Amino acid sequence: MSHTLTLELPEPVYQPLAQAAARSGQTLEQWALDRLQKHALSSDQRKAALERLLRHAGAADLGHPTGADSANIDADLAKEYGSGHEAKE
């Protein structure tokens, strides 16, 4: 099955795409189709990519907790408000 997709592109978007297609010796339509096919992911591919990404979740350690601890947030705000950032004349 095949479908037609019509896009209206502003000139600053169109020109670099048209130039890339010309450099590759393809029409802009074929060049765009090739790129879309190359980068389109199936449901299984998206799931695998998300799993790879989530393996890195929590990998950074800032050396201190960064949660929604209200006591620490209040202490940080109080420290900043009392730090002498008042406007000077």
PDB file of N, CA and C in Angstrom:
ATOM      1  N   MET A   1       0.848  -1.168   0.000  1.00  0.00           N
ATOM      2  CA  MET A   1       0.000   0.000   0.000  1.00  0.00           C
ATOM      3  C   MET A   1       0.899   1.238   0.000  1.00  0.00           C
ATOM      4  N   SER A   2       0.445   2.266  -0.662  1.00  0.00           N
ATOM      5  CA  SER A   2       1.201   3.493  -0.791  1.00  0.00           C
ATOM      6  C   SER A   2       0.291   4.667  -0.463  1.00  0.00           C
ATOM      7  N   HIS A   3       0.867   5.718   0.101  1.00  0.00           N
ATOM      8  CA  HIS A   3       0.116   6.921   0.449  1.00  0.00           C
ATOM      9  C   HIS A   3       0.875   8.138  -0.059  1.00  0.00           C
ATOM     10  N   THR A   4       0.162   9.200  -0.311  1.00  0.00           N
ATOM     11  CA  THR A   4       0.771  10.455  -0.740  1.00  0.00           C
ATOM     12  C   THR A   4       0.775  11.426   0.426  1.00  0.00           C
ATOM     13  N   LEU A   5       1.901  12.074   0.617  1.00  0.00           N
ATOM     14  CA  LEU A   5       2.061  13.076   1.671  1.00  0.00           C
ATOM     15  C   LEU A   5       2.513  14.368   1.015  1.00  0.00           C
ATOM     16  N   THR A   6       1.766  15.434   1.238  1.00  0.00           N
ATOM     17  CA  THR A   6       2.113  16.736   0.671  1.00  0.00           C
ATOM     18  C   THR A   6       2.530  17.655   1.803  1.00  0.00           C
ATOM     19  N   LEU A   7       3.694  18.267   1.661  1.00  0.00           N
ATOM     20  CA  LEU A   7       4.219  19.182   2.676  1.00  0.00           C
ATOM     21  C   LEU A   7       4.451  20.554   2.070  1.00  0.00           C
ATOM     22  N   GLU A   8       4.215  21.569   2.847  1.00  0.00           N
ATOM     23  CA  GLU A   8       4.572  22.929   2.450  1.00  0.00           C
ATOM     24  C   GLU A   8       5.730  23.351   3.342  1.00  0.00           C
ATOM     25  N   LEU A   9       6.889  23.581   2.706  1.00  0.00           N
ATOM     26  CA  LEU A   9       8.097  23.911   3.447  1.00  0.00           C
ATOM     27  C   LEU A   9       8.484  25.366   3.250  1.00  0.00           C
ATOM     28  N   PRO A  10       8.860  26.057   4.317  1.00  0.00           N
ATOM     29  CA  PRO A  10       9.377  27.413   4.145  1.00  0.00           C
ATOM     30  C   PRO A  10      10.725  27.359   3.417  1.00  0.00           C
ATOM     31  N   GLU A  11      11.061  28.417   2.735  1.00  0.00           N
ATOM     32  CA  GLU A  11      12.276  28.477   1.920  1.00  0.00           C
ATOM     33  C   GLU A  11      13.543  28.077   2.690  1.00  0.00           C
ATOM     34  N   PRO A  12      13.736  28.551   3.949  1.00  0.00           N
ATOM     35  CA  PRO A  12      14.961  28.180   4.673  1.00  0.00           C
ATOM     36  C   PRO A  12      15.056  26.680   4.976  1.00  0.00           C
ATOM     37  N   VAL A  13      13.946  25.981   4.969  1.00  0.00           N
ATOM     38  CA  VAL A  13      13.957  24.533   5.172  1.00  0.00           C
ATOM     39  C   VAL A  13      14.125  23.821   3.830  1.00  0.00           C
ATOM     40  N   TYR A  14      13.438  24.313   2.819  1.00  0.00           N
ATOM     41  CA  TYR A  14      13.445  23.673   1.508  1.00  0.00           C
ATOM     42  C   TYR A  14      14.828  23.687   0.856  1.00  0.00           C
ATOM     43  N   GLN A  15      15.487  24.834   0.853  1.00  0.00           N
ATOM     44  CA  GLN A  15      16.750  24.984   0.116  1.00  0.00           C
ATOM     45  C   GLN A  15      17.821  23.981   0.539  1.00  0.00           C
ATOM     46  N   PRO A  16      18.123  23.818   1.836  1.00  0.00           N
ATOM     47  CA  PRO A  16      19.154  22.832   2.201  1.00  0.00           C
ATOM     48  C   PRO A  16      18.764  21.401   1.817  1.00  0.00           C
ATOM     49  N   LEU A  17      17.481  21.079   1.892  1.00  0.00           N
ATOM     50  CA  LEU A  17      17.031  19.746   1.503  1.00  0.00           C
ATOM     51  C   LEU A  17      17.202  19.541   0.003  1.00  0.00           C
ATOM     52  N   ALA A  18      16.817  20.527  -0.781  1.00  0.00           N
ATOM     53  CA  ALA A  18      16.943  20.441  -2.236  1.00  0.00           C
ATOM     54  C   ALA A  18      18.417  20.319  -2.641  1.00  0.00           C
ATOM     55  N   GLN A  19      19.280  21.055  -1.963  1.00  0.00           N
ATOM     56  CA  GLN A  19      20.710  20.987  -2.258  1.00  0.00           C
ATOM     57  C   GLN A  19      21.275  19.607  -1.921  1.00  0.00           C
ATOM     58  N   ALA A  20      20.864  19.042  -0.790  1.00  0.00           N
ATOM     59  CA  ALA A  20      21.334  17.702  -0.410  1.00  0.00           C
ATOM     60  C   ALA A  20      20.858  16.666  -1.420  1.00  0.00           C
ATOM     61  N   ALA A  21      19.620  16.792  -1.873  1.00  0.00           N
ATOM     62  CA  ALA A  21      19.092  15.862  -2.867  1.00  0.00           C
ATOM     63  C   ALA A  21      19.876  15.980  -4.173  1.00  0.00           C
ATOM     64  N   ALA A  22      20.152  17.205  -4.595  1.00  0.00           N
ATOM     65  CA  ALA A  22      20.896  17.418  -5.837  1.00  0.00           C
ATOM     66  C   ALA A  22      22.301  16.817  -5.729  1.00  0.00           C
ATOM     67  N   ARG A  23      22.947  16.995  -4.579  1.00  0.00           N
ATOM     68  CA  ARG A  23      24.287  16.431  -4.393  1.00  0.00           C
ATOM     69  C   ARG A  23      24.266  14.905  -4.483  1.00  0.00           C
ATOM     70  N   SER A  24      23.173  14.299  -4.056  1.00  0.00           N
ATOM     71  CA  SER A  24      23.084  12.839  -4.083  1.00  0.00           C
ATOM     72  C   SER A  24      22.600  12.317  -5.432  1.00  0.00           C
ATOM     73  N   GLY A  25      22.205  13.228  -6.334  1.00  0.00           N
ATOM     74  CA  GLY A  25      21.718  12.821  -7.646  1.00  0.00           C
ATOM     75  C   GLY A  25      20.294  12.288  -7.631  1.00  0.00           C
ATOM     76  N   GLN A  26      19.533  12.645  -6.610  1.00  0.00           N
ATOM     77  CA  GLN A  26      18.154  12.179  -6.487  1.00  0.00           C
ATOM     78  C   GLN A  26      17.206  13.362  -6.568  1.00  0.00           C
ATOM     79  N   THR A  27      15.943  13.051  -6.860  1.00  0.00           N
ATOM     80  CA  THR A  27      14.932  14.087  -6.729  1.00  0.00           C
ATOM     81  C   THR A  27      14.740  14.344  -5.237  1.00  0.00           C
ATOM     82  N   LEU A  28      14.195  15.495  -4.917  1.00  0.00           N
ATOM     83  CA  LEU A  28      13.959  15.811  -3.511  1.00  0.00           C
ATOM     84  C   LEU A  28      12.998  14.800  -2.895  1.00  0.00           C
ATOM     85  N   GLU A  29      11.999  14.392  -3.667  1.00  0.00           N
ATOM     86  CA  GLU A  29      11.018  13.430  -3.152  1.00  0.00           C
ATOM     87  C   GLU A  29      11.682  12.091  -2.810  1.00  0.00           C
ATOM     88  N   GLN A  30      12.529  11.598  -3.717  1.00  0.00           N
ATOM     89  CA  GLN A  30      13.194  10.315  -3.469  1.00  0.00           C
ATOM     90  C   GLN A  30      14.171  10.438  -2.306  1.00  0.00           C
ATOM     91  N   TRP A  31      14.903  11.539  -2.254  1.00  0.00           N
ATOM     92  CA  TRP A  31      15.857  11.766  -1.176  1.00  0.00           C
ATOM     93  C   TRP A  31      15.138  11.777   0.173  1.00  0.00           C
ATOM     94  N   ALA A  32      14.012  12.505   0.247  1.00  0.00           N
ATOM     95  CA  ALA A  32      13.251  12.588   1.495  1.00  0.00           C
ATOM     96  C   ALA A  32      12.687  11.219   1.874  1.00  0.00           C
ATOM     97  N   LEU A  33      12.168  10.479   0.889  1.00  0.00           N
ATOM     98  CA  LEU A  33      11.628   9.143   1.157  1.00  0.00           C
ATOM     99  C   LEU A  33      12.716   8.221   1.694  1.00  0.00           C
ATOM    100  N   ASP A  34      13.898   8.270   1.096  1.00  0.00           N
ATOM    101  CA  ASP A  34      15.009   7.443   1.575  1.00  0.00           C
ATOM    102  C   ASP A  34      15.342   7.761   3.029  1.00  0.00           C
ATOM    103  N   ARG A  35      15.376   9.046   3.349  1.00  0.00           N
ATOM    104  CA  ARG A  35      15.697   9.450   4.730  1.00  0.00           C
ATOM    105  C   ARG A  35      14.614   8.996   5.704  1.00  0.00           C
ATOM    106  N   LEU A  36      13.363   9.164   5.316  1.00  0.00           N
ATOM    107  CA  LEU A  36      12.263   8.748   6.187  1.00  0.00           C
ATOM    108  C   LEU A  36      12.281   7.241   6.415  1.00  0.00           C
ATOM    109  N   GLN A  37      12.526   6.485   5.369  1.00  0.00           N
ATOM    110  CA  GLN A  37      12.569   5.026   5.518  1.00  0.00           C
ATOM    111  C   GLN A  37      13.738   4.599   6.397  1.00  0.00           C
ATOM    112  N   LYS A  38      14.840   5.295   6.252  1.00  0.00           N
ATOM    113  CA  LYS A  38      16.033   4.954   7.027  1.00  0.00           C
ATOM    114  C   LYS A  38      15.822   5.238   8.515  1.00  0.00           C
ATOM    115  N   HIS A  39      15.087   6.282   8.837  1.00  0.00           N
ATOM    116  CA  HIS A  39      14.957   6.712  10.233  1.00  0.00           C
ATOM    117  C   HIS A  39      13.646   6.311  10.891  1.00  0.00           C
ATOM    118  N   ALA A  40      12.735   5.734  10.148  1.00  0.00           N
ATOM    119  CA  ALA A  40      11.472   5.292  10.737  1.00  0.00           C
ATOM    120  C   ALA A  40      11.730   4.026  11.543  1.00  0.00           C
ATOM    121  N   LEU A  41      11.217   3.973  12.749  1.00  0.00           N
ATOM    122  CA  LEU A  41      11.427   2.823  13.617  1.00  0.00           C
ATOM    123  C   LEU A  41      10.133   2.050  13.799  1.00  0.00           C
ATOM    124  N   SER A  42      10.257   0.751  13.837  1.00  0.00           N
ATOM    125  CA  SER A  42       9.096  -0.078  14.148  1.00  0.00           C
ATOM    126  C   SER A  42       8.820   0.018  15.645  1.00  0.00           C
ATOM    127  N   SER A  43       7.697  -0.503  16.063  1.00  0.00           N
ATOM    128  CA  SER A  43       7.341  -0.499  17.476  1.00  0.00           C
ATOM    129  C   SER A  43       8.394  -1.237  18.304  1.00  0.00           C
ATOM    130  N   ASP A  44       8.867  -2.364  17.805  1.00  0.00           N
ATOM    131  CA  ASP A  44       9.897  -3.125  18.524  1.00  0.00           C
ATOM    132  C   ASP A  44      11.207  -2.347  18.609  1.00  0.00           C
ATOM    133  N   GLN A  45      11.555  -1.646  17.530  1.00  0.00           N
ATOM    134  CA  GLN A  45      12.785  -0.856  17.537  1.00  0.00           C
ATOM    135  C   GLN A  45      12.683   0.303  18.528  1.00  0.00           C
ATOM    136  N   ARG A  46      11.511   0.963  18.566  1.00  0.00           N
ATOM    137  CA  ARG A  46      11.319   2.054  19.527  1.00  0.00           C
ATOM    138  C   ARG A  46      11.428   1.541  20.952  1.00  0.00           C
ATOM    139  N   LYS A  47      10.819   0.378  21.222  1.00  0.00           N
ATOM    140  CA  LYS A  47      10.872  -0.218  22.558  1.00  0.00           C
ATOM    141  C   LYS A  47      12.315  -0.535  22.948  1.00  0.00           C
ATOM    142  N   ALA A  48      13.069  -1.122  22.039  1.00  0.00           N
ATOM    143  CA  ALA A  48      14.472  -1.456  22.308  1.00  0.00           C
ATOM    144  C   ALA A  48      15.292  -0.196  22.547  1.00  0.00           C
ATOM    145  N   ALA A  49      15.037   0.852  21.764  1.00  0.00           N
ATOM    146  CA  ALA A  49      15.767   2.109  21.936  1.00  0.00           C
ATOM    147  C   ALA A  49      15.457   2.728  23.298  1.00  0.00           C
ATOM    148  N   LEU A  50      14.194   2.702  23.698  1.00  0.00           N
ATOM    149  CA  LEU A  50      13.821   3.238  25.005  1.00  0.00           C
ATOM    150  C   LEU A  50      14.481   2.441  26.126  1.00  0.00           C
ATOM    151  N   GLU A  51      14.518   1.133  25.997  1.00  0.00           N
ATOM    152  CA  GLU A  51      15.172   0.299  27.012  1.00  0.00           C
ATOM    153  C   GLU A  51      16.660   0.630  27.113  1.00  0.00           C
ATOM    154  N   ARG A  52      17.323   0.847  25.965  1.00  0.00           N
ATOM    155  CA  ARG A  52      18.740   1.225  25.986  1.00  0.00           C
ATOM    156  C   ARG A  52      18.925   2.563  26.680  1.00  0.00           C
ATOM    157  N   LEU A  53      18.033   3.505  26.399  1.00  0.00           N
ATOM    158  CA  LEU A  53      18.119   4.822  27.022  1.00  0.00           C
ATOM    159  C   LEU A  53      17.910   4.733  28.529  1.00  0.00           C
ATOM    160  N   LEU A  54      16.912   3.977  28.952  1.00  0.00           N
ATOM    161  CA  LEU A  54      16.583   3.901  30.373  1.00  0.00           C
ATOM    162  C   LEU A  54      17.652   3.182  31.193  1.00  0.00           C
ATOM    163  N   ARG A  55      18.516   2.420  30.542  1.00  0.00           N
ATOM    164  CA  ARG A  55      19.630   1.809  31.281  1.00  0.00           C
ATOM    165  C   ARG A  55      20.545   2.870  31.882  1.00  0.00           C
ATOM    166  N   HIS A  56      20.515   4.074  31.325  1.00  0.00           N
ATOM    167  CA  HIS A  56      21.376   5.159  31.814  1.00  0.00           C
ATOM    168  C   HIS A  56      20.695   6.018  32.874  1.00  0.00           C
ATOM    169  N   ALA A  57      19.410   5.804  33.087  1.00  0.00           N
ATOM    170  CA  ALA A  57      18.673   6.607  34.068  1.00  0.00           C
ATOM    171  C   ALA A  57      19.285   6.392  35.445  1.00  0.00           C
ATOM    172  N   GLY A  58      19.587   7.494  36.119  1.00  0.00           N
ATOM    173  CA  GLY A  58      20.160   7.424  37.458  1.00  0.00           C
ATOM    174  C   GLY A  58      21.653   7.181  37.471  1.00  0.00           C
ATOM    175  N   ALA A  59      22.285   7.189  36.313  1.00  0.00           N
ATOM    176  CA  ALA A  59      23.718   6.896  36.256  1.00  0.00           C
ATOM    177  C   ALA A  59      24.573   8.051  36.777  1.00  0.00           C
ATOM    178  N   ALA A  60      24.051   9.256  36.774  1.00  0.00           N
ATOM    179  CA  ALA A  60      24.819  10.407  37.249  1.00  0.00           C
ATOM    180  C   ALA A  60      24.647  10.559  38.749  1.00  0.00           C
ATOM    181  N   ASP A  61      25.733  10.809  39.447  1.00  0.00           N
ATOM    182  CA  ASP A  61      25.697  11.033  40.886  1.00  0.00           C
ATOM    183  C   ASP A  61      26.275  12.416  41.146  1.00  0.00           C
ATOM    184  N   LEU A  62      25.437  13.329  41.617  1.00  0.00           N
ATOM    185  CA  LEU A  62      25.888  14.690  41.879  1.00  0.00           C
ATOM    186  C   LEU A  62      26.536  14.832  43.253  1.00  0.00           C
ATOM    187  N   GLY A  63      26.535  13.769  44.020  1.00  0.00           N
ATOM    188  CA  GLY A  63      27.151  13.825  45.339  1.00  0.00           C
ATOM    189  C   GLY A  63      26.220  14.307  46.425  1.00  0.00           C
ATOM    190  N   HIS A  64      24.993  14.637  46.056  1.00  0.00           N
ATOM    191  CA  HIS A  64      23.996  15.060  47.040  1.00  0.00           C
ATOM    192  C   HIS A  64      22.620  14.730  46.496  1.00  0.00           C
ATOM    193  N   PRO A  65      21.650  14.550  47.389  1.00  0.00           N
ATOM    194  CA  PRO A  65      20.303  14.215  46.917  1.00  0.00           C
ATOM    195  C   PRO A  65      19.697  15.365  46.110  1.00  0.00           C
ATOM    196  N   THR A  66      18.903  15.025  45.117  1.00  0.00           N
ATOM    197  CA  THR A  66      18.282  16.050  44.277  1.00  0.00           C
ATOM    198  C   THR A  66      16.779  15.882  44.181  1.00  0.00           C
ATOM    199  N   GLY A  67      16.168  15.213  45.126  1.00  0.00           N
ATOM    200  CA  GLY A  67      14.732  14.964  45.086  1.00  0.00           C
ATOM    201  C   GLY A  67      13.923  16.200  45.443  1.00  0.00           C
ATOM    202  N   ALA A  68      12.675  15.974  45.761  1.00  0.00           N
ATOM    203  CA  ALA A  68      11.761  17.068  46.105  1.00  0.00           C
ATOM    204  C   ALA A  68      11.682  17.207  47.618  1.00  0.00           C
ATOM    205  N   ASP A  69      12.828  17.203  48.283  1.00  0.00           N
ATOM    206  CA  ASP A  69      12.905  17.320  49.733  1.00  0.00           C
ATOM    207  C   ASP A  69      12.640  18.772  50.134  1.00  0.00           C
ATOM    208  N   SER A  70      11.455  19.037  50.640  1.00  0.00           N
ATOM    209  CA  SER A  70      11.043  20.405  50.946  1.00  0.00           C
ATOM    210  C   SER A  70      11.963  21.079  51.954  1.00  0.00           C
ATOM    211  N   ALA A  71      12.464  20.333  52.924  1.00  0.00           N
ATOM    212  CA  ALA A  71      13.340  20.941  53.938  1.00  0.00           C
ATOM    213  C   ALA A  71      14.611  21.477  53.284  1.00  0.00           C
ATOM    214  N   ASN A  72      15.208  20.711  52.388  1.00  0.00           N
ATOM    215  CA  ASN A  72      16.423  21.187  51.715  1.00  0.00           C
ATOM    216  C   ASN A  72      16.123  22.347  50.781  1.00  0.00           C
ATOM    217  N   ILE A  73      14.994  22.286  50.090  1.00  0.00           N
ATOM    218  CA  ILE A  73      14.615  23.381  49.200  1.00  0.00           C
ATOM    219  C   ILE A  73      14.398  24.648  50.005  1.00  0.00           C
ATOM    220  N   ASP A  74      13.670  24.557  51.111  1.00  0.00           N
ATOM    221  CA  ASP A  74      13.439  25.724  51.967  1.00  0.00           C
ATOM    222  C   ASP A  74      14.749  26.282  52.499  1.00  0.00           C
ATOM    223  N   ALA A  75      15.669  25.416  52.896  1.00  0.00           N
ATOM    224  CA  ALA A  75      16.959  25.871  53.405  1.00  0.00           C
ATOM    225  C   ALA A  75      17.746  26.592  52.312  1.00  0.00           C
ATOM    226  N   ASP A  76      17.731  26.041  51.093  1.00  0.00           N
ATOM    227  CA  ASP A  76      18.425  26.698  49.978  1.00  0.00           C
ATOM    228  C   ASP A  76      17.825  28.063  49.678  1.00  0.00           C
ATOM    229  N   LEU A  77      16.489  28.160  49.696  1.00  0.00           N
ATOM    230  CA  LEU A  77      15.832  29.447  49.446  1.00  0.00           C
ATOM    231  C   LEU A  77      16.161  30.445  50.530  1.00  0.00           C
ATOM    232  N   ALA A  78      16.104  30.021  51.783  1.00  0.00           N
ATOM    233  CA  ALA A  78      16.415  30.921  52.894  1.00  0.00           C
ATOM    234  C   ALA A  78      17.855  31.411  52.785  1.00  0.00           C
ATOM    235  N   LYS A  79      18.762  30.527  52.424  1.00  0.00           N
ATOM    236  CA  LYS A  79      20.168  30.894  52.258  1.00  0.00           C
ATOM    237  C   LYS A  79      20.315  31.946  51.157  1.00  0.00           C
ATOM    238  N   GLU A  80      19.638  31.737  50.023  1.00  0.00           N
ATOM    239  CA  GLU A  80      19.727  32.685  48.915  1.00  0.00           C
ATOM    240  C   GLU A  80      19.090  34.024  49.246  1.00  0.00           C
ATOM    241  N   TYR A  81      17.925  33.991  49.887  1.00  0.00           N
ATOM    242  CA  TYR A  81      17.256  35.245  50.221  1.00  0.00           C
ATOM    243  C   TYR A  81      18.048  36.058  51.233  1.00  0.00           C
ATOM    244  N   GLY A  82      18.810  35.394  52.058  1.00  0.00           N
ATOM    245  CA  GLY A  82      19.577  36.102  53.062  1.00  0.00           C
ATOM    246  C   GLY A  82      21.012  36.319  52.660  1.00  0.00           C
ATOM    247  N   SER A  83      21.358  36.160  51.387  1.00  0.00           N
ATOM    248  CA  SER A  83      22.749  36.209  50.982  1.00  0.00           C
ATOM    249  C   SER A  83      23.255  37.590  50.598  1.00  0.00           C
ATOM    250  N   GLY A  84      22.461  38.627  50.792  1.00  0.00           N
ATOM    251  CA  GLY A  84      22.945  39.972  50.490  1.00  0.00           C
ATOM    252  C   GLY A  84      22.894  40.354  49.040  1.00  0.00           C
ATOM    253  N   HIS A  85      21.928  39.860  48.323  1.00  0.00           N
ATOM    254  CA  HIS A  85      21.762  40.211  46.908  1.00  0.00           C
ATOM    255  C   HIS A  85      20.921  41.463  46.732  1.00  0.00           C
ATOM    256  N   GLU A  86      20.747  42.221  47.794  1.00  0.00           N
ATOM    257  CA  GLU A  86      19.920  43.405  47.705  1.00  0.00           C
ATOM    258  C   GLU A  86      20.540  44.394  46.710  1.00  0.00           C
ATOM    259  N   ALA A  87      19.684  45.188  46.073  1.00  0.00           N
ATOM    260  CA  ALA A  87      20.164  46.199  45.129  1.00  0.00           C
ATOM    261  C   ALA A  87      20.948  47.257  45.867  1.00  0.00           C
ATOM    262  N   LYS A  88      22.054  47.654  45.287  1.00  0.00           N
ATOM    263  CA  LYS A  88      22.905  48.683  45.904  1.00  0.00           C
ATOM    264  C   LYS A  88      22.684  49.999  45.178  1.00  0.00           C
ATOM    265  N   GLU A  89      22.722  51.046  45.945  1.00  0.00           N
ATOM    266  CA  GLU A  89      22.497  52.371  45.344  1.00  0.00           C
ATOM    267  C   GLU A  89      23.794  53.050  45.048  1.00  0.00           C
TER     268      GLU A  89
END
